[in-house]
Protein backbone atom coordinates (compact mmCIF):
# COMPACT_ATOMS: atom_id res chain seq x y z
CA MET A 1 -62.87 36.66 -9.90
CA THR A 2 -65.15 36.78 -6.88
CA ALA A 3 -63.97 37.72 -3.41
CA SER A 4 -64.18 34.13 -2.18
CA GLU A 5 -62.05 32.93 -5.10
CA GLY A 6 -59.48 35.59 -4.34
CA VAL A 7 -59.20 34.44 -0.75
CA ALA A 8 -58.78 30.81 -1.83
CA SER A 9 -56.05 31.65 -4.31
CA GLY A 10 -54.27 33.84 -1.76
CA ALA A 11 -54.19 30.99 0.74
CA GLY A 12 -52.10 28.84 -1.59
CA ALA A 13 -52.62 26.16 -4.22
CA GLY A 14 -55.30 23.57 -3.70
CA ARG A 15 -54.66 19.98 -2.54
CA SER A 16 -53.66 17.50 -5.21
CA THR A 17 -55.54 14.24 -5.02
CA PRO A 18 -53.96 10.89 -6.06
CA THR A 19 -55.92 11.14 -9.39
CA GLY A 20 -54.40 14.50 -10.27
CA GLU A 21 -57.51 16.63 -9.55
CA THR A 22 -57.34 19.78 -7.46
CA THR A 23 -59.78 20.25 -4.60
CA GLY A 24 -60.85 23.49 -3.06
CA ALA A 25 -58.51 25.31 -0.74
CA GLU A 26 -58.69 24.35 2.90
CA PRO A 27 -59.84 26.92 5.40
CA ASP A 28 -57.24 28.81 7.47
CA GLY A 29 -54.59 28.37 4.80
CA GLY A 30 -54.02 24.57 4.98
CA ARG A 31 -55.24 21.21 6.24
CA SER A 32 -55.64 20.38 9.89
CA ASP A 33 -53.15 18.19 11.74
CA ALA A 34 -53.55 14.58 10.62
CA ALA A 35 -52.38 13.30 14.00
CA THR A 36 -55.42 14.90 15.72
CA GLY A 37 -57.85 13.32 13.32
CA ALA A 38 -59.67 16.67 12.63
CA PRO A 39 -61.55 16.75 9.29
CA SER A 40 -59.88 18.65 6.49
CA GLY A 41 -63.08 20.16 5.18
CA THR A 42 -62.71 18.82 1.61
CA GLY A 43 -64.79 15.69 2.07
CA SER A 44 -62.52 13.65 -0.22
CA GLU A 45 -61.73 10.06 0.64
CA SER A 46 -57.97 10.58 0.33
CA ASP A 47 -58.07 13.44 2.85
CA GLU A 48 -60.13 11.37 5.27
CA ALA A 49 -57.71 8.49 4.98
CA GLU A 50 -54.77 10.81 5.60
CA ALA A 51 -56.51 12.50 8.54
CA ARG A 52 -57.38 9.18 10.19
CA PRO A 53 -54.78 8.49 12.94
CA ASP A 54 -52.81 5.29 12.68
CA PRO A 55 -53.42 3.12 15.80
CA ALA A 56 -49.75 2.11 15.91
CA GLY A 57 -48.43 5.67 15.61
CA ALA A 58 -46.55 7.07 12.67
CA ARG A 59 -46.04 4.49 9.92
CA PRO A 60 -42.35 4.01 9.21
CA ASP A 61 -43.07 2.47 5.81
CA THR A 62 -44.85 5.54 4.42
CA ALA A 63 -42.87 8.27 2.73
CA VAL A 64 -44.07 11.81 2.00
CA ALA A 65 -43.14 13.49 -1.29
CA LYS A 66 -42.85 17.27 -1.26
CA ASP A 67 -42.22 19.77 -4.04
CA ALA A 68 -41.90 23.53 -3.77
CA GLY A 69 -45.32 25.16 -4.00
CA GLU A 70 -47.22 21.87 -3.90
CA SER A 71 -49.06 20.13 -1.09
CA GLU A 72 -48.03 16.84 0.48
CA VAL A 73 -49.00 13.53 -1.09
CA SER A 74 -48.88 10.40 1.10
CA VAL A 75 -47.38 7.46 -0.77
CA PRO A 76 -47.62 4.04 0.94
CA ALA A 77 -44.49 1.93 0.44
CA GLU A 78 -46.52 -1.21 -0.14
CA GLU A 79 -47.93 0.32 -3.34
CA GLY A 80 -44.56 -0.34 -4.93
CA VAL A 81 -42.84 3.06 -4.69
CA ARG A 82 -40.96 4.90 -1.97
CA GLY A 83 -40.81 8.69 -2.32
CA SER A 84 -38.39 11.19 -0.91
CA ALA A 85 -37.91 14.91 -0.96
CA ASP A 86 -35.04 14.61 -3.41
CA ASP A 87 -36.34 11.71 -5.50
CA PRO A 88 -37.95 12.97 -8.72
CA THR A 89 -39.19 9.48 -9.58
CA ALA A 90 -41.61 9.30 -6.62
CA THR A 91 -45.17 8.78 -7.94
CA SER A 92 -48.63 8.46 -6.53
CA PRO A 93 -50.48 5.12 -6.52
CA GLY A 94 -51.77 4.26 -9.95
CA VAL A 95 -49.37 6.58 -11.79
CA VAL A 96 -46.61 5.08 -13.90
CA ALA A 97 -43.17 6.25 -12.71
CA ALA A 98 -40.86 7.95 -15.16
CA GLU A 99 -37.50 6.53 -16.13
CA PRO A 100 -34.94 7.16 -13.35
CA SER A 101 -32.40 9.88 -14.01
CA THR A 102 -28.87 8.86 -14.79
CA SER A 103 -27.44 12.00 -13.20
CA PRO A 104 -24.85 11.32 -10.50
CA THR A 105 -26.88 13.38 -8.07
CA SER A 106 -29.82 10.98 -8.32
CA GLU A 107 -27.93 8.09 -6.81
CA ALA A 108 -29.27 6.90 -3.49
CA PRO A 109 -26.97 7.59 -0.56
CA ALA A 110 -24.99 4.63 0.74
CA PRO A 111 -26.45 3.08 3.89
CA ALA A 112 -24.77 4.03 7.12
CA GLU A 113 -22.22 1.60 8.51
CA GLY A 114 -23.81 -1.08 10.65
CA THR A 115 -27.28 -0.71 9.05
CA ALA A 116 -28.90 -3.18 6.71
CA SER A 117 -29.36 -2.06 3.11
CA THR A 118 -32.76 -2.15 1.42
CA THR A 119 -33.83 -3.20 -2.03
CA SER A 120 -36.02 -1.20 -4.42
CA THR A 121 -39.08 -3.00 -3.03
CA GLY A 122 -38.34 -1.81 0.50
CA GLN A 123 -37.32 -5.26 1.75
CA PRO A 124 -34.06 -5.42 3.78
CA ASP A 125 -31.19 -7.38 2.32
CA GLU A 126 -29.92 -10.31 4.34
CA ALA A 127 -26.65 -9.47 6.07
CA GLU A 128 -23.74 -11.50 4.81
CA PRO A 129 -22.32 -13.74 7.56
CA VAL A 130 -18.78 -12.97 8.65
CA ALA A 131 -16.70 -16.11 8.34
CA ALA A 132 -14.36 -17.00 11.17
CA PRO A 133 -10.69 -17.01 10.21
CA THR A 134 -9.45 -20.39 9.12
CA GLY A 135 -5.89 -21.46 8.65
CA ARG A 136 -3.11 -19.02 7.89
CA GLN A 137 -4.11 -15.37 8.03
CA PRO A 138 -1.73 -12.87 6.40
CA GLN A 139 -2.33 -10.18 9.01
CA ALA A 140 -4.44 -9.67 12.08
CA ALA A 141 -7.02 -6.90 12.05
CA SER A 142 -5.12 -5.05 14.77
CA GLY A 143 -2.21 -4.44 12.38
CA ASN A 144 0.20 -6.90 13.99
CA PRO A 145 1.33 -9.40 11.38
CA LEU A 146 0.86 -13.11 11.86
CA PRO A 147 2.39 -15.21 13.23
CA ARG A 148 2.52 -13.51 16.62
CA VAL A 149 4.59 -14.66 19.59
CA LEU A 150 3.32 -13.42 22.96
CA ALA A 151 5.07 -13.97 26.29
CA VAL A 152 2.53 -14.14 29.12
CA ALA A 153 4.72 -12.77 31.90
CA ASN A 154 4.49 -11.33 35.40
CA GLN A 155 6.96 -12.22 38.15
CA LYS A 156 4.12 -12.00 40.68
CA GLY A 157 2.67 -15.47 41.24
CA GLY A 158 -1.02 -16.26 41.22
CA VAL A 159 -2.13 -13.46 38.91
CA GLY A 160 -3.59 -15.71 36.20
CA LYS A 161 -0.69 -16.27 33.78
CA THR A 162 -1.40 -19.97 33.24
CA THR A 163 -5.17 -19.50 33.27
CA THR A 164 -4.87 -16.77 30.66
CA SER A 165 -2.42 -18.77 28.50
CA VAL A 166 -4.66 -21.84 28.44
CA ASN A 167 -8.04 -20.17 28.02
CA LEU A 168 -6.93 -17.42 25.66
CA GLY A 169 -5.23 -20.06 23.52
CA ALA A 170 -8.41 -22.16 23.48
CA ALA A 171 -10.55 -19.14 22.56
CA LEU A 172 -8.18 -18.20 19.73
CA ALA A 173 -8.33 -21.79 18.48
CA GLU A 174 -12.13 -21.54 18.42
CA LEU A 175 -11.78 -18.54 16.12
CA GLY A 176 -9.88 -20.71 13.65
CA TYR A 177 -6.28 -19.73 14.47
CA ARG A 178 -3.61 -22.39 14.97
CA VAL A 179 -2.27 -21.85 18.47
CA LEU A 180 0.78 -23.25 20.27
CA VAL A 181 1.00 -22.90 24.06
CA ILE A 182 4.58 -23.27 25.31
CA ASP A 183 4.72 -24.22 28.99
CA LEU A 184 7.87 -22.76 30.55
CA ASP A 185 6.68 -23.09 34.15
CA PRO A 186 8.34 -26.03 35.97
CA GLN A 187 5.03 -26.64 37.76
CA GLY A 188 3.56 -27.71 34.40
CA ASN A 189 0.09 -26.35 35.13
CA ALA A 190 -0.57 -25.33 31.53
CA THR A 191 0.30 -28.88 30.47
CA THR A 192 -2.14 -30.56 32.85
CA GLY A 193 -4.73 -27.83 32.30
CA LEU A 194 -4.91 -28.87 28.65
CA GLY A 195 -5.35 -32.54 29.51
CA ILE A 196 -1.78 -33.72 28.83
CA ASP A 197 -0.46 -36.34 31.24
CA ALA A 198 3.26 -36.12 32.02
CA ARG A 199 3.53 -39.90 31.57
CA ASN A 200 2.30 -39.77 27.97
CA PHE A 201 5.12 -37.81 26.30
CA GLU A 202 8.83 -38.38 25.91
CA LEU A 203 10.17 -34.87 25.28
CA SER A 204 9.48 -31.68 27.18
CA MET A 205 10.67 -28.08 27.11
CA TYR A 206 13.62 -29.09 29.27
CA ASP A 207 14.91 -31.23 26.40
CA VAL A 208 14.38 -28.35 23.96
CA LEU A 209 16.35 -25.87 26.07
CA MET A 210 19.10 -28.09 27.48
CA ARG A 211 19.50 -30.91 24.96
CA ASP A 212 18.72 -29.03 21.74
CA SER A 213 15.83 -31.34 20.93
CA SER A 214 13.46 -30.24 18.16
CA LEU A 215 10.48 -28.24 19.32
CA GLU A 216 8.41 -29.91 16.61
CA ASP A 217 9.04 -33.29 18.25
CA CYS A 218 8.03 -31.86 21.61
CA VAL A 219 4.65 -30.43 20.54
CA GLU A 220 1.59 -32.44 21.63
CA PRO A 221 -1.96 -32.07 20.27
CA THR A 222 -4.82 -31.36 22.66
CA SER A 223 -8.46 -32.35 22.64
CA MET A 224 -9.33 -29.05 20.96
CA LYS A 225 -8.93 -28.45 17.24
CA ASN A 226 -6.10 -26.05 16.30
CA LEU A 227 -4.69 -26.03 19.85
CA PHE A 228 -1.29 -27.55 20.65
CA VAL A 229 1.01 -27.53 23.69
CA ALA A 230 4.72 -27.90 24.30
CA PRO A 231 4.67 -29.56 27.74
CA ALA A 232 6.84 -28.92 30.77
CA THR A 233 7.94 -31.11 33.66
CA ILE A 234 9.57 -30.50 37.02
CA ALA A 235 12.94 -31.10 35.35
CA LEU A 236 12.64 -27.57 33.96
CA ALA A 237 13.37 -26.25 37.46
CA GLY A 238 17.00 -27.32 37.06
CA ALA A 239 17.35 -25.50 33.75
CA GLU A 240 17.54 -22.18 35.56
CA ILE A 241 20.93 -23.16 36.97
CA GLU A 242 22.11 -25.27 34.06
CA LEU A 243 21.62 -22.41 31.63
CA VAL A 244 24.10 -20.17 33.46
CA PRO A 245 27.28 -21.47 31.74
CA ALA A 246 25.53 -22.28 28.45
CA PHE A 247 26.60 -20.51 25.26
CA SER A 248 24.06 -17.98 23.94
CA ARG A 249 21.81 -19.00 26.81
CA GLU A 250 19.25 -16.21 26.32
CA LEU A 251 18.42 -17.17 22.71
CA LYS A 252 17.84 -20.91 22.98
CA LEU A 253 14.07 -20.65 22.96
CA LYS A 254 14.10 -18.09 20.15
CA ARG A 255 15.99 -20.45 17.84
CA ALA A 256 13.67 -23.33 18.75
CA ILE A 257 10.53 -21.34 17.96
CA GLU A 258 11.91 -20.21 14.61
CA THR A 259 11.82 -23.82 13.39
CA VAL A 260 8.04 -24.15 13.88
CA ILE A 261 6.73 -20.60 13.67
CA ASP A 262 5.37 -21.04 10.14
CA ASP A 263 3.00 -23.75 11.37
CA PHE A 264 1.13 -21.50 13.80
CA ASP A 265 -0.68 -18.18 13.93
CA PHE A 266 -0.23 -17.54 17.64
CA VAL A 267 2.45 -18.77 20.06
CA LEU A 268 1.66 -18.14 23.74
CA ILE A 269 4.57 -18.63 26.16
CA ASP A 270 3.48 -19.31 29.75
CA CYS A 271 6.35 -17.88 31.82
CA PRO A 272 7.28 -18.89 35.37
CA PRO A 273 6.68 -16.44 38.25
CA SER A 274 10.25 -15.15 38.23
CA LEU A 275 12.61 -12.94 36.28
CA GLY A 276 15.31 -15.57 35.76
CA LEU A 277 16.91 -16.98 32.64
CA ILE A 278 13.83 -18.93 31.58
CA THR A 279 11.74 -15.76 31.56
CA VAL A 280 14.54 -13.93 29.75
CA ASN A 281 14.48 -16.65 27.10
CA ALA A 282 10.74 -16.11 26.69
CA LEU A 283 11.15 -12.33 26.38
CA ALA A 284 13.97 -12.70 23.87
CA ALA A 285 11.85 -15.03 21.72
CA ALA A 286 8.60 -13.01 21.83
CA ASP A 287 7.41 -10.08 19.78
CA GLU A 288 4.98 -8.87 22.43
CA VAL A 289 4.42 -9.18 26.17
CA LEU A 290 0.97 -9.88 27.58
CA VAL A 291 0.84 -8.98 31.27
CA PRO A 292 -1.98 -10.35 33.45
CA ILE A 293 -2.58 -8.13 36.46
CA GLN A 294 -4.65 -9.24 39.40
CA CYS A 295 -6.98 -6.50 40.59
CA GLU A 296 -5.21 -6.19 43.93
CA TYR A 297 -2.50 -3.92 45.30
CA TYR A 298 0.36 -6.45 45.44
CA ALA A 299 0.07 -7.13 41.71
CA LEU A 300 1.02 -3.51 41.01
CA GLU A 301 4.21 -3.56 43.09
CA GLY A 302 6.16 -5.91 40.83
CA LEU A 303 4.94 -4.38 37.58
CA SER A 304 7.62 -1.68 37.54
CA GLN A 305 10.37 -4.31 37.88
CA LEU A 306 8.90 -6.30 35.00
CA MET A 307 8.87 -3.18 32.84
CA ARG A 308 12.54 -2.56 33.61
CA ASN A 309 13.41 -6.12 32.59
CA VAL A 310 11.42 -5.79 29.37
CA HIS A 311 13.33 -2.59 28.63
CA LEU A 312 16.67 -4.32 29.27
CA VAL A 313 15.79 -7.24 26.99
CA ALA A 314 14.57 -4.86 24.29
CA SER A 315 17.80 -2.84 24.54
CA ASN A 316 20.19 -5.80 24.37
CA LEU A 317 18.50 -8.87 22.91
CA ASN A 318 15.17 -8.14 21.23
CA PRO A 319 14.62 -4.59 19.90
CA ARG A 320 11.07 -5.33 18.67
CA LEU A 321 9.84 -6.42 22.14
CA ASP A 322 7.01 -4.35 23.56
CA ILE A 323 4.34 -4.63 26.24
CA SER A 324 1.35 -4.65 23.92
CA THR A 325 -1.42 -6.08 26.10
CA ILE A 326 -2.39 -5.81 29.76
CA VAL A 327 -5.24 -7.98 31.02
CA LEU A 328 -7.04 -7.33 34.30
CA THR A 329 -7.80 -10.67 35.95
CA MET A 330 -9.64 -11.91 39.03
CA TYR A 331 -11.88 -8.86 38.99
CA ASP A 332 -14.37 -8.84 41.86
CA ALA A 333 -17.05 -6.22 41.26
CA ARG A 334 -18.14 -6.39 44.91
CA THR A 335 -14.98 -4.66 46.12
CA LYS A 336 -13.94 -1.04 45.70
CA LEU A 337 -10.29 -2.11 45.59
CA ALA A 338 -10.82 -3.89 42.26
CA ASP A 339 -12.27 -0.71 40.75
CA GLN A 340 -9.44 1.40 42.14
CA VAL A 341 -6.74 -0.92 40.77
CA ALA A 342 -8.45 -1.12 37.38
CA THR A 343 -8.76 2.67 37.21
CA GLU A 344 -5.12 3.20 38.19
CA VAL A 345 -3.87 0.70 35.60
CA ARG A 346 -6.00 2.23 32.83
CA ASP A 347 -4.89 5.73 33.71
CA HIS A 348 -1.22 4.72 33.55
CA PHE A 349 -1.17 2.37 30.54
CA GLY A 350 -4.05 3.73 28.48
CA ASN A 351 -5.01 1.74 25.39
CA LYS A 352 -2.69 -1.13 26.26
CA VAL A 353 -5.21 -2.29 28.85
CA CYS A 354 -7.82 -4.60 27.35
CA ARG A 355 -11.42 -3.50 27.57
CA ILE A 356 -12.43 -7.00 28.62
CA VAL A 357 -11.91 -7.79 32.31
CA ILE A 358 -11.63 -11.41 33.48
CA PRO A 359 -13.96 -11.99 36.45
CA ARG A 360 -13.18 -14.10 39.49
CA THR A 361 -15.32 -17.22 39.08
CA VAL A 362 -15.37 -20.68 40.59
CA ARG A 363 -15.77 -22.33 37.19
CA LEU A 364 -12.42 -20.95 36.04
CA SER A 365 -10.81 -22.61 39.06
CA GLU A 366 -12.59 -25.91 38.48
CA ALA A 367 -11.76 -26.31 34.79
CA PRO A 368 -8.05 -27.33 35.21
CA SER A 369 -9.01 -30.24 37.47
CA PHE A 370 -10.88 -31.71 34.48
CA GLY A 371 -8.00 -31.07 32.08
CA GLN A 372 -10.09 -28.68 29.95
CA PRO A 373 -10.05 -24.97 29.15
CA ILE A 374 -13.07 -23.04 30.35
CA THR A 375 -14.47 -22.77 26.81
CA ALA A 376 -14.85 -26.56 26.73
CA PHE A 377 -15.60 -27.16 30.42
CA ASP A 378 -18.44 -24.62 30.73
CA PRO A 379 -18.95 -22.75 27.44
CA ALA A 380 -21.78 -20.58 28.81
CA SER A 381 -20.00 -19.43 31.97
CA ARG A 382 -18.92 -15.85 32.58
CA GLY A 383 -15.28 -16.87 32.37
CA ALA A 384 -15.72 -18.55 28.98
CA ILE A 385 -17.55 -15.53 27.58
CA ALA A 386 -14.87 -13.18 28.91
CA TYR A 387 -12.01 -15.14 27.34
CA ARG A 388 -13.82 -15.38 24.01
CA GLU A 389 -14.22 -11.62 23.96
CA LEU A 390 -10.59 -11.22 25.02
CA ALA A 391 -9.51 -13.44 22.12
CA LYS A 392 -11.38 -11.19 19.69
CA GLU A 393 -9.75 -8.13 21.20
CA VAL A 394 -6.22 -9.60 21.19
CA SER A 395 -6.55 -10.92 17.65
CA GLY A 396 -7.88 -7.59 16.43
CA GLY A 397 -11.37 -8.84 15.70
CA THR A 398 -14.64 -7.25 16.88
CA SER A 399 -15.66 -7.59 20.51
């Protein structure tokens, strides 16, 4: 062996070409950096092609196969194979691949969650569409079983109880759930907000509570699919006093809902801005309490009293009752007060506060005058988008 041959062998094995031949060793113990475009010194076409820089940068569809003691071989994915450091079946262009190993260690790793899988040809599989829930669902993704009865309550007026009941119900109906909105506010704003005229129905929630009428006969369909409403009239204002001497007065609504609960996935009870007997009926009938909180200081003052009442009802009438959801409404990003209130509520209640915040928008205020929820009145508005995301969060879906 000559001195030059000894130096070449000491520098390492020669470069393998795609045809299986071995070229002479490169000077300085290896090839030059392909990214710089410097010649490798071998003069072979494969080395020149590898040394030529790609105008678009590194090619993501090219894999490099490496073995211990061997040089790198560039394998384009479009040639029909995709090599890896651990894949013994990776071949060069023009070489027939061996049969894949059946060893458990040769299995390809599962794709990471949220990434599209690829076929053997390198083409991504089409993601399977996620179907919206239709009809009866055995259990919501959040773990709360269906049907769910939520009382939308806060004794502070003007915090968005009716707006949330109407628009959250409409957004849940869009997702395929059957939703019943029960209007317990004597003002009847949820009724008119869903396009129901007080002159077009015979029975209302007053008849259900005071005359033991069937709730099924009281329910009215709306213009939206899967969305229904049990209307209220001003007569409900007198029920607060008339319920005082009534027998089992706190459980009248609970018994009425039990007769229709199997027909719906969600029941949203729009409570009046008080802590009287009508609100107590709603809390006794519900499984959960959804509390809308306006992003202002006054909305926080009455929250402690509401929590005490919820605790009293849970202790004496409804042990399963819990404040499960708190929604921040009328959020104005231009004010520091809104941020301070939101931060204070999140610090105190933690995960019970929804990630989605309902903004203060003119379109949300205009929608009731047309008898439509915001999702039908202006589907592309900020309010409609916010309530759709809130519906996904409340139902346990992705947001």
